[in-house]
Amino acid sequence: MFESKNIYMLKPKYFLYARKSTEDDDHQVMSIESQLFELREFASRENLEILEEFQESKSAKKPGREVFGKMMNKIESMDGVGILGWHPLC
């Protein structure tokens, strides 16, 4: 017999990622705390489940962002996880 699973009732799961560059020429003007506040508000409005928050103070122009790498490793080992981040020009 067919087993009914209501997959549409599952709440989407996300990681929050906030980054503030240490370089002056980066256009990210919002503080990490401000970014996280806005991302939490968005997630609440959209009924998104936040699994974990990641924050980092490194330039995105250079490789080797440890926190970002850790987050990506976690995503690769999970199913159905996305990232919410703040666009640097906002």
PDB file of N, CA and C in Angstrom:
ATOM      1  N   MET A   1       0.838  -1.180   0.000  1.00  0.00           N
ATOM      2  CA  MET A   1       0.000   0.000   0.000  1.00  0.00           C
ATOM      3  C   MET A   1       0.884   1.245   0.000  1.00  0.00           C
ATOM      4  N   PHE A   2       0.430   2.284  -0.657  1.00  0.00           N
ATOM      5  CA  PHE A   2       1.167   3.544  -0.761  1.00  0.00           C
ATOM      6  C   PHE A   2       1.176   4.254   0.583  1.00  0.00           C
ATOM      7  N   GLU A   3       2.358   4.612   1.043  1.00  0.00           N
ATOM      8  CA  GLU A   3       2.487   5.341   2.307  1.00  0.00           C
ATOM      9  C   GLU A   3       2.535   6.833   2.001  1.00  0.00           C
ATOM     10  N   SER A   4       1.601   7.572   2.525  1.00  0.00           N
ATOM     11  CA  SER A   4       1.520   9.007   2.277  1.00  0.00           C
ATOM     12  C   SER A   4       2.442   9.765   3.228  1.00  0.00           C
ATOM     13  N   LYS A   5       3.310  10.543   2.666  1.00  0.00           N
ATOM     14  CA  LYS A   5       4.188  11.406   3.450  1.00  0.00           C
ATOM     15  C   LYS A   5       3.954  12.834   2.992  1.00  0.00           C
ATOM     16  N   ASN A   6       3.588  13.666   3.902  1.00  0.00           N
ATOM     17  CA  ASN A   6       3.317  15.052   3.555  1.00  0.00           C
ATOM     18  C   ASN A   6       4.617  15.847   3.630  1.00  0.00           C
ATOM     19  N   ILE A   7       5.400  15.783   2.563  1.00  0.00           N
ATOM     20  CA  ILE A   7       6.688  16.467   2.545  1.00  0.00           C
ATOM     21  C   ILE A   7       6.533  17.980   2.452  1.00  0.00           C
ATOM     22  N   TYR A   8       5.370  18.442   2.058  1.00  0.00           N
ATOM     23  CA  TYR A   8       5.163  19.879   1.916  1.00  0.00           C
ATOM     24  C   TYR A   8       4.986  20.578   3.261  1.00  0.00           C
ATOM     25  N   MET A   9       4.797  19.810   4.309  1.00  0.00           N
ATOM     26  CA  MET A   9       4.643  20.383   5.637  1.00  0.00           C
ATOM     27  C   MET A   9       5.986  20.578   6.332  1.00  0.00           C
ATOM     28  N   LEU A  10       7.044  20.070   5.740  1.00  0.00           N
ATOM     29  CA  LEU A  10       8.357  20.217   6.344  1.00  0.00           C
ATOM     30  C   LEU A  10       8.799  21.671   6.281  1.00  0.00           C
ATOM     31  N   LYS A  11       9.354  22.136   7.359  1.00  0.00           N
ATOM     32  CA  LYS A  11       9.835  23.510   7.437  1.00  0.00           C
ATOM     33  C   LYS A  11      11.233  23.578   6.826  1.00  0.00           C
ATOM     34  N   PRO A  12      11.458  24.472   5.872  1.00  0.00           N
ATOM     35  CA  PRO A  12      12.807  24.589   5.297  1.00  0.00           C
ATOM     36  C   PRO A  12      13.838  24.921   6.372  1.00  0.00           C
ATOM     37  N   LYS A  13      15.019  24.350   6.224  1.00  0.00           N
ATOM     38  CA  LYS A  13      16.091  24.538   7.208  1.00  0.00           C
ATOM     39  C   LYS A  13      17.248  25.306   6.572  1.00  0.00           C
ATOM     40  N   TYR A  14      17.811  26.231   7.339  1.00  0.00           N
ATOM     41  CA  TYR A  14      18.863  27.090   6.814  1.00  0.00           C
ATOM     42  C   TYR A  14      19.942  27.362   7.848  1.00  0.00           C
ATOM     43  N   PHE A  15      21.117  27.686   7.328  1.00  0.00           N
ATOM     44  CA  PHE A  15      22.187  28.264   8.127  1.00  0.00           C
ATOM     45  C   PHE A  15      22.177  29.761   7.841  1.00  0.00           C
ATOM     46  N   LEU A  16      22.467  30.573   8.846  1.00  0.00           N
ATOM     47  CA  LEU A  16      22.668  32.007   8.634  1.00  0.00           C
ATOM     48  C   LEU A  16      24.159  32.248   8.515  1.00  0.00           C
ATOM     49  N   TYR A  17      24.540  33.078   7.539  1.00  0.00           N
ATOM     50  CA  TYR A  17      25.953  33.411   7.356  1.00  0.00           C
ATOM     51  C   TYR A  17      26.086  34.924   7.276  1.00  0.00           C
ATOM     52  N   ALA A  18      26.841  35.492   8.203  1.00  0.00           N
ATOM     53  CA  ALA A  18      27.096  36.936   8.217  1.00  0.00           C
ATOM     54  C   ALA A  18      28.601  37.153   8.141  1.00  0.00           C
ATOM     55  N   ARG A  19      28.999  38.067   7.261  1.00  0.00           N
ATOM     56  CA  ARG A  19      30.424  38.335   7.079  1.00  0.00           C
ATOM     57  C   ARG A  19      30.645  39.827   6.967  1.00  0.00           C
ATOM     58  N   LYS A  20      31.674  40.286   7.596  1.00  0.00           N
ATOM     59  CA  LYS A  20      32.102  41.686   7.477  1.00  0.00           C
ATOM     60  C   LYS A  20      33.567  41.662   7.106  1.00  0.00           C
ATOM     61  N   SER A  21      33.886  42.255   5.986  1.00  0.00           N
ATOM     62  CA  SER A  21      35.264  42.255   5.518  1.00  0.00           C
ATOM     63  C   SER A  21      36.151  43.102   6.415  1.00  0.00           C
ATOM     64  N   THR A  22      37.387  42.697   6.494  1.00  0.00           N
ATOM     65  CA  THR A  22      38.379  43.485   7.224  1.00  0.00           C
ATOM     66  C   THR A  22      39.030  44.512   6.309  1.00  0.00           C
ATOM     67  N   GLU A  23      38.635  44.498   5.033  1.00  0.00           N
ATOM     68  CA  GLU A  23      39.202  45.438   4.062  1.00  0.00           C
ATOM     69  C   GLU A  23      38.265  46.628   3.888  1.00  0.00           C
ATOM     70  N   ASP A  24      38.832  47.824   3.866  1.00  0.00           N
ATOM     71  CA  ASP A  24      38.028  49.043   3.748  1.00  0.00           C
ATOM     72  C   ASP A  24      37.311  49.173   2.418  1.00  0.00           C
ATOM     73  N   ASP A  25      37.874  48.614   1.338  1.00  0.00           N
ATOM     74  CA  ASP A  25      37.264  48.806   0.025  1.00  0.00           C
ATOM     75  C   ASP A  25      36.094  47.856  -0.225  1.00  0.00           C
ATOM     76  N   ASP A  26      35.821  46.949   0.697  1.00  0.00           N
ATOM     77  CA  ASP A  26      34.653  46.080   0.575  1.00  0.00           C
ATOM     78  C   ASP A  26      33.419  46.925   0.876  1.00  0.00           C
ATOM     79  N   HIS A  27      32.350  46.680   0.143  1.00  0.00           N
ATOM     80  CA  HIS A  27      31.158  47.512   0.267  1.00  0.00           C
ATOM     81  C   HIS A  27      30.203  47.066   1.366  1.00  0.00           C
ATOM     82  N   GLN A  28      30.572  46.108   2.176  1.00  0.00           N
ATOM     83  CA  GLN A  28      29.692  45.631   3.247  1.00  0.00           C
ATOM     84  C   GLN A  28      29.667  46.663   4.370  1.00  0.00           C
ATOM     85  N   VAL A  29      28.563  47.370   4.485  1.00  0.00           N
ATOM     86  CA  VAL A  29      28.473  48.434   5.478  1.00  0.00           C
ATOM     87  C   VAL A  29      27.748  47.999   6.748  1.00  0.00           C
ATOM     88  N   MET A  30      26.958  46.943   6.675  1.00  0.00           N
ATOM     89  CA  MET A  30      26.216  46.490   7.851  1.00  0.00           C
ATOM     90  C   MET A  30      27.103  45.665   8.769  1.00  0.00           C
ATOM     91  N   SER A  31      26.976  45.901  10.059  1.00  0.00           N
ATOM     92  CA  SER A  31      27.721  45.105  11.034  1.00  0.00           C
ATOM     93  C   SER A  31      27.213  43.664  11.017  1.00  0.00           C
ATOM     94  N   ILE A  32      28.009  42.773  11.553  1.00  0.00           N
ATOM     95  CA  ILE A  32      27.605  41.368  11.628  1.00  0.00           C
ATOM     96  C   ILE A  32      26.318  41.233  12.436  1.00  0.00           C
ATOM     97  N   GLU A  33      26.235  41.916  13.561  1.00  0.00           N
ATOM     98  CA  GLU A  33      25.021  41.832  14.391  1.00  0.00           C
ATOM     99  C   GLU A  33      23.796  42.357  13.647  1.00  0.00           C
ATOM    100  N   SER A  34      23.955  43.429  12.874  1.00  0.00           N
ATOM    101  CA  SER A  34      22.836  43.966  12.090  1.00  0.00           C
ATOM    102  C   SER A  34      22.401  42.980  11.013  1.00  0.00           C
ATOM    103  N   GLN A  35      23.372  42.364  10.368  1.00  0.00           N
ATOM    104  CA  GLN A  35      23.051  41.356   9.357  1.00  0.00           C
ATOM    105  C   GLN A  35      22.269  40.201   9.974  1.00  0.00           C
ATOM    106  N   LEU A  36      22.765  39.695  11.111  1.00  0.00           N
ATOM    107  CA  LEU A  36      22.095  38.572  11.767  1.00  0.00           C
ATOM    108  C   LEU A  36      20.677  38.946  12.203  1.00  0.00           C
ATOM    109  N   PHE A  37      20.506  40.163  12.701  1.00  0.00           N
ATOM    110  CA  PHE A  37      19.173  40.618  13.094  1.00  0.00           C
ATOM    111  C   PHE A  37      18.225  40.581  11.898  1.00  0.00           C
ATOM    112  N   GLU A  38      18.654  41.160  10.772  1.00  0.00           N
ATOM    113  CA  GLU A  38      17.812  41.196   9.573  1.00  0.00           C
ATOM    114  C   GLU A  38      17.528  39.794   9.048  1.00  0.00           C
ATOM    115  N   LEU A  39      18.527  38.929   9.072  1.00  0.00           N
ATOM    116  CA  LEU A  39      18.338  37.558   8.592  1.00  0.00           C
ATOM    117  C   LEU A  39      17.385  36.777   9.498  1.00  0.00           C
ATOM    118  N   ARG A  40      17.500  36.980  10.798  1.00  0.00           N
ATOM    119  CA  ARG A  40      16.572  36.319  11.736  1.00  0.00           C
ATOM    120  C   ARG A  40      15.136  36.796  11.505  1.00  0.00           C
ATOM    121  N   GLU A  41      14.978  38.103  11.295  1.00  0.00           N
ATOM    122  CA  GLU A  41      13.647  38.659  11.034  1.00  0.00           C
ATOM    123  C   GLU A  41      13.059  38.069   9.752  1.00  0.00           C
ATOM    124  N   PHE A  42      13.868  37.990   8.704  1.00  0.00           N
ATOM    125  CA  PHE A  42      13.418  37.416   7.438  1.00  0.00           C
ATOM    126  C   PHE A  42      12.998  35.959   7.633  1.00  0.00           C
ATOM    127  N   ALA A  43      13.832  35.190   8.323  1.00  0.00           N
ATOM    128  CA  ALA A  43      13.532  33.776   8.559  1.00  0.00           C
ATOM    129  C   ALA A  43      12.227  33.616   9.336  1.00  0.00           C
ATOM    130  N   SER A  44      12.012  34.475  10.300  1.00  0.00           N
ATOM    131  CA  SER A  44      10.782  34.420  11.089  1.00  0.00           C
ATOM    132  C   SER A  44       9.557  34.715  10.223  1.00  0.00           C
ATOM    133  N   ARG A  45       9.644  35.767   9.407  1.00  0.00           N
ATOM    134  CA  ARG A  45       8.528  36.131   8.518  1.00  0.00           C
ATOM    135  C   ARG A  45       8.211  35.019   7.532  1.00  0.00           C
ATOM    136  N   GLU A  46       9.242  34.348   7.040  1.00  0.00           N
ATOM    137  CA  GLU A  46       9.071  33.323   6.011  1.00  0.00           C
ATOM    138  C   GLU A  46       8.919  31.912   6.590  1.00  0.00           C
ATOM    139  N   ASN A  47       8.883  31.813   7.918  1.00  0.00           N
ATOM    140  CA  ASN A  47       8.723  30.532   8.602  1.00  0.00           C
ATOM    141  C   ASN A  47       9.840  29.541   8.241  1.00  0.00           C
ATOM    142  N   LEU A  48      11.069  30.027   8.260  1.00  0.00           N
ATOM    143  CA  LEU A  48      12.235  29.200   7.958  1.00  0.00           C
ATOM    144  C   LEU A  48      12.913  28.796   9.258  1.00  0.00           C
ATOM    145  N   GLU A  49      13.334  27.558   9.323  1.00  0.00           N
ATOM    146  CA  GLU A  49      14.023  27.072  10.517  1.00  0.00           C
ATOM    147  C   GLU A  49      15.520  27.333  10.397  1.00  0.00           C
ATOM    148  N   ILE A  50      16.094  27.966  11.411  1.00  0.00           N
ATOM    149  CA  ILE A  50      17.530  28.242  11.447  1.00  0.00           C
ATOM    150  C   ILE A  50      18.204  27.160  12.278  1.00  0.00           C
ATOM    151  N   LEU A  51      19.129  26.441  11.651  1.00  0.00           N
ATOM    152  CA  LEU A  51      19.852  25.378  12.341  1.00  0.00           C
ATOM    153  C   LEU A  51      21.054  25.904  13.107  1.00  0.00           C
ATOM    154  N   GLU A  52      21.752  26.870  12.494  1.00  0.00           N
ATOM    155  CA  GLU A  52      22.981  27.374  13.105  1.00  0.00           C
ATOM    156  C   GLU A  52      23.327  28.712  12.461  1.00  0.00           C
ATOM    157  N   GLU A  53      24.041  29.539  13.212  1.00  0.00           N
ATOM    158  CA  GLU A  53      24.504  30.827  12.697  1.00  0.00           C
ATOM    159  C   GLU A  53      26.021  30.810  12.606  1.00  0.00           C
ATOM    160  N   PHE A  54      26.526  31.360  11.509  1.00  0.00           N
ATOM    161  CA  PHE A  54      27.963  31.460  11.291  1.00  0.00           C
ATOM    162  C   PHE A  54      28.301  32.922  11.047  1.00  0.00           C
ATOM    163  N   GLN A  55      29.401  33.375  11.626  1.00  0.00           N
ATOM    164  CA  GLN A  55      29.847  34.750  11.386  1.00  0.00           C
ATOM    165  C   GLN A  55      31.354  34.777  11.238  1.00  0.00           C
ATOM    166  N   GLU A  56      31.786  35.704  10.401  1.00  0.00           N
ATOM    167  CA  GLU A  56      33.208  35.736  10.065  1.00  0.00           C
ATOM    168  C   GLU A  56      33.611  37.145   9.668  1.00  0.00           C
ATOM    169  N   SER A  57      34.845  37.496   9.974  1.00  0.00           N
ATOM    170  CA  SER A  57      35.408  38.797   9.608  1.00  0.00           C
ATOM    171  C   SER A  57      36.596  38.573   8.690  1.00  0.00           C
ATOM    172  N   LYS A  58      36.295  38.264   7.448  1.00  0.00           N
ATOM    173  CA  LYS A  58      37.334  38.015   6.439  1.00  0.00           C
ATOM    174  C   LYS A  58      36.833  38.523   5.096  1.00  0.00           C
ATOM    175  N   SER A  59      37.749  38.859   4.241  1.00  0.00           N
ATOM    176  CA  SER A  59      37.399  39.269   2.890  1.00  0.00           C
ATOM    177  C   SER A  59      36.961  38.054   2.078  1.00  0.00           C
ATOM    178  N   ALA A  60      35.928  38.238   1.270  1.00  0.00           N
ATOM    179  CA  ALA A  60      35.478  37.166   0.382  1.00  0.00           C
ATOM    180  C   ALA A  60      36.366  37.065  -0.851  1.00  0.00           C
ATOM    181  N   LYS A  61      37.227  38.054  -1.052  1.00  0.00           N
ATOM    182  CA  LYS A  61      38.098  38.073  -2.230  1.00  0.00           C
ATOM    183  C   LYS A  61      39.253  37.096  -2.116  1.00  0.00           C
ATOM    184  N   LYS A  62      39.574  36.714  -0.887  1.00  0.00           N
ATOM    185  CA  LYS A  62      40.709  35.821  -0.657  1.00  0.00           C
ATOM    186  C   LYS A  62      40.214  34.440  -0.254  1.00  0.00           C
ATOM    187  N   PRO A  63      40.865  33.387  -0.745  1.00  0.00           N
ATOM    188  CA  PRO A  63      40.465  32.030  -0.353  1.00  0.00           C
ATOM    189  C   PRO A  63      40.837  31.743   1.098  1.00  0.00           C
ATOM    190  N   GLY A  64      40.241  30.703   1.643  1.00  0.00           N
ATOM    191  CA  GLY A  64      40.621  30.261   2.973  1.00  0.00           C
ATOM    192  C   GLY A  64      39.765  30.781   4.107  1.00  0.00           C
ATOM    193  N   ARG A  65      38.498  31.109   3.833  1.00  0.00           N
ATOM    194  CA  ARG A  65      37.605  31.535   4.915  1.00  0.00           C
ATOM    195  C   ARG A  65      37.210  30.292   5.720  1.00  0.00           C
ATOM    196  N   GLU A  66      37.770  30.165   6.911  1.00  0.00           N
ATOM    197  CA  GLU A  66      37.584  28.961   7.726  1.00  0.00           C
ATOM    198  C   GLU A  66      36.128  28.726   8.114  1.00  0.00           C
ATOM    199  N   VAL A  67      35.443  29.766   8.539  1.00  0.00           N
ATOM    200  CA  VAL A  67      34.058  29.612   8.987  1.00  0.00           C
ATOM    201  C   VAL A  67      33.167  29.216   7.815  1.00  0.00           C
ATOM    202  N   PHE A  68      33.364  29.855   6.668  1.00  0.00           N
ATOM    203  CA  PHE A  68      32.585  29.517   5.479  1.00  0.00           C
ATOM    204  C   PHE A  68      32.835  28.063   5.086  1.00  0.00           C
ATOM    205  N   GLY A  69      34.088  27.635   5.128  1.00  0.00           N
ATOM    206  CA  GLY A  69      34.433  26.251   4.809  1.00  0.00           C
ATOM    207  C   GLY A  69      33.773  25.262   5.757  1.00  0.00           C
ATOM    208  N   LYS A  70      33.757  25.588   7.034  1.00  0.00           N
ATOM    209  CA  LYS A  70      33.106  24.731   8.030  1.00  0.00           C
ATOM    210  C   LYS A  70      31.614  24.605   7.725  1.00  0.00           C
ATOM    211  N   MET A  71      30.987  25.734   7.394  1.00  0.00           N
ATOM    212  CA  MET A  71      29.565  25.724   7.069  1.00  0.00           C
ATOM    213  C   MET A  71      29.299  24.865   5.831  1.00  0.00           C
ATOM    214  N   MET A  72      30.110  25.014   4.809  1.00  0.00           N
ATOM    215  CA  MET A  72      29.926  24.233   3.586  1.00  0.00           C
ATOM    216  C   MET A  72      30.111  22.739   3.850  1.00  0.00           C
ATOM    217  N   ASN A  73      31.065  22.377   4.690  1.00  0.00           N
ATOM    218  CA  ASN A  73      31.251  20.968   5.049  1.00  0.00           C
ATOM    219  C   ASN A  73      30.012  20.410   5.733  1.00  0.00           C
ATOM    220  N   LYS A  74      29.393  21.191   6.590  1.00  0.00           N
ATOM    221  CA  LYS A  74      28.170  20.749   7.262  1.00  0.00           C
ATOM    222  C   LYS A  74      27.036  20.577   6.258  1.00  0.00           C
ATOM    223  N   ILE A  75      26.934  21.500   5.310  1.00  0.00           N
ATOM    224  CA  ILE A  75      25.873  21.413   4.303  1.00  0.00           C
ATOM    225  C   ILE A  75      26.039  20.157   3.460  1.00  0.00           C
ATOM    226  N   GLU A  76      27.265  19.844   3.085  1.00  0.00           N
ATOM    227  CA  GLU A  76      27.510  18.666   2.255  1.00  0.00           C
ATOM    228  C   GLU A  76      27.114  17.373   2.955  1.00  0.00           C
ATOM    229  N   SER A  77      27.114  17.363   4.279  1.00  0.00           N
ATOM    230  CA  SER A  77      26.759  16.154   5.017  1.00  0.00           C
ATOM    231  C   SER A  77      25.276  16.106   5.400  1.00  0.00           C
ATOM    232  N   MET A  78      24.513  17.108   4.994  1.00  0.00           N
ATOM    233  CA  MET A  78      23.090  17.171   5.343  1.00  0.00           C
ATOM    234  C   MET A  78      22.256  17.237   4.073  1.00  0.00           C
ATOM    235  N   ASP A  79      20.967  16.998   4.228  1.00  0.00           N
ATOM    236  CA  ASP A  79      20.050  17.074   3.101  1.00  0.00           C
ATOM    237  C   ASP A  79      19.029  18.178   3.368  1.00  0.00           C
ATOM    238  N   GLY A  80      18.781  19.003   2.376  1.00  0.00           N
ATOM    239  CA  GLY A  80      17.750  20.021   2.496  1.00  0.00           C
ATOM    240  C   GLY A  80      18.122  21.223   3.326  1.00  0.00           C
ATOM    241  N   VAL A  81      19.373  21.625   3.267  1.00  0.00           N
ATOM    242  CA  VAL A  81      19.827  22.789   4.030  1.00  0.00           C
ATOM    243  C   VAL A  81      20.281  23.869   3.058  1.00  0.00           C
ATOM    244  N   GLY A  82      19.911  25.110   3.338  1.00  0.00           N
ATOM    245  CA  GLY A  82      20.339  26.237   2.526  1.00  0.00           C
ATOM    246  C   GLY A  82      21.053  27.274   3.377  1.00  0.00           C
ATOM    247  N   ILE A  83      21.488  28.347   2.730  1.00  0.00           N
ATOM    248  CA  ILE A  83      22.200  29.433   3.403  1.00  0.00           C
ATOM    249  C   ILE A  83      21.416  30.725   3.209  1.00  0.00           C
ATOM    250  N   LEU A  84      21.244  31.469   4.287  1.00  0.00           N
ATOM    251  CA  LEU A  84      20.721  32.828   4.207  1.00  0.00           C
ATOM    252  C   LEU A  84      21.869  33.764   4.541  1.00  0.00           C
ATOM    253  N   GLY A  85      22.140  34.684   3.649  1.00  0.00           N
ATOM    254  CA  GLY A  85      23.204  35.648   3.870  1.00  0.00           C
ATOM    255  C   GLY A  85      22.770  37.021   3.406  1.00  0.00           C
ATOM    256  N   TRP A  86      23.478  38.034   3.869  1.00  0.00           N
ATOM    257  CA  TRP A  86      23.169  39.414   3.518  1.00  0.00           C
ATOM    258  C   TRP A  86      24.014  39.822   2.323  1.00  0.00           C
ATOM    259  N   HIS A  87      23.382  40.415   1.321  1.00  0.00           N
ATOM    260  CA  HIS A  87      24.121  40.864   0.135  1.00  0.00           C
ATOM    261  C   HIS A  87      25.008  42.040   0.523  1.00  0.00           C
ATOM    262  N   PRO A  88      26.281  42.019   0.138  1.00  0.00           N
ATOM    263  CA  PRO A  88      27.221  43.051   0.587  1.00  0.00           C
ATOM    264  C   PRO A  88      26.917  44.465   0.105  1.00  0.00           C
ATOM    265  N   LEU A  89      26.099  44.640  -0.893  1.00  0.00           N
ATOM    266  CA  LEU A  89      25.813  45.990  -1.384  1.00  0.00           C
ATOM    267  C   LEU A  89      24.551  46.577  -0.758  1.00  0.00           C
ATOM    268  N   CYS A  90      23.947  45.865   0.154  1.00  0.00           N
ATOM    269  CA  CYS A  90      22.714  46.359   0.798  1.00  0.00           C
ATOM    270  C   CYS A  90      23.035  47.202   2.002  1.00  0.00           C
TER     271      CYS A  90
END
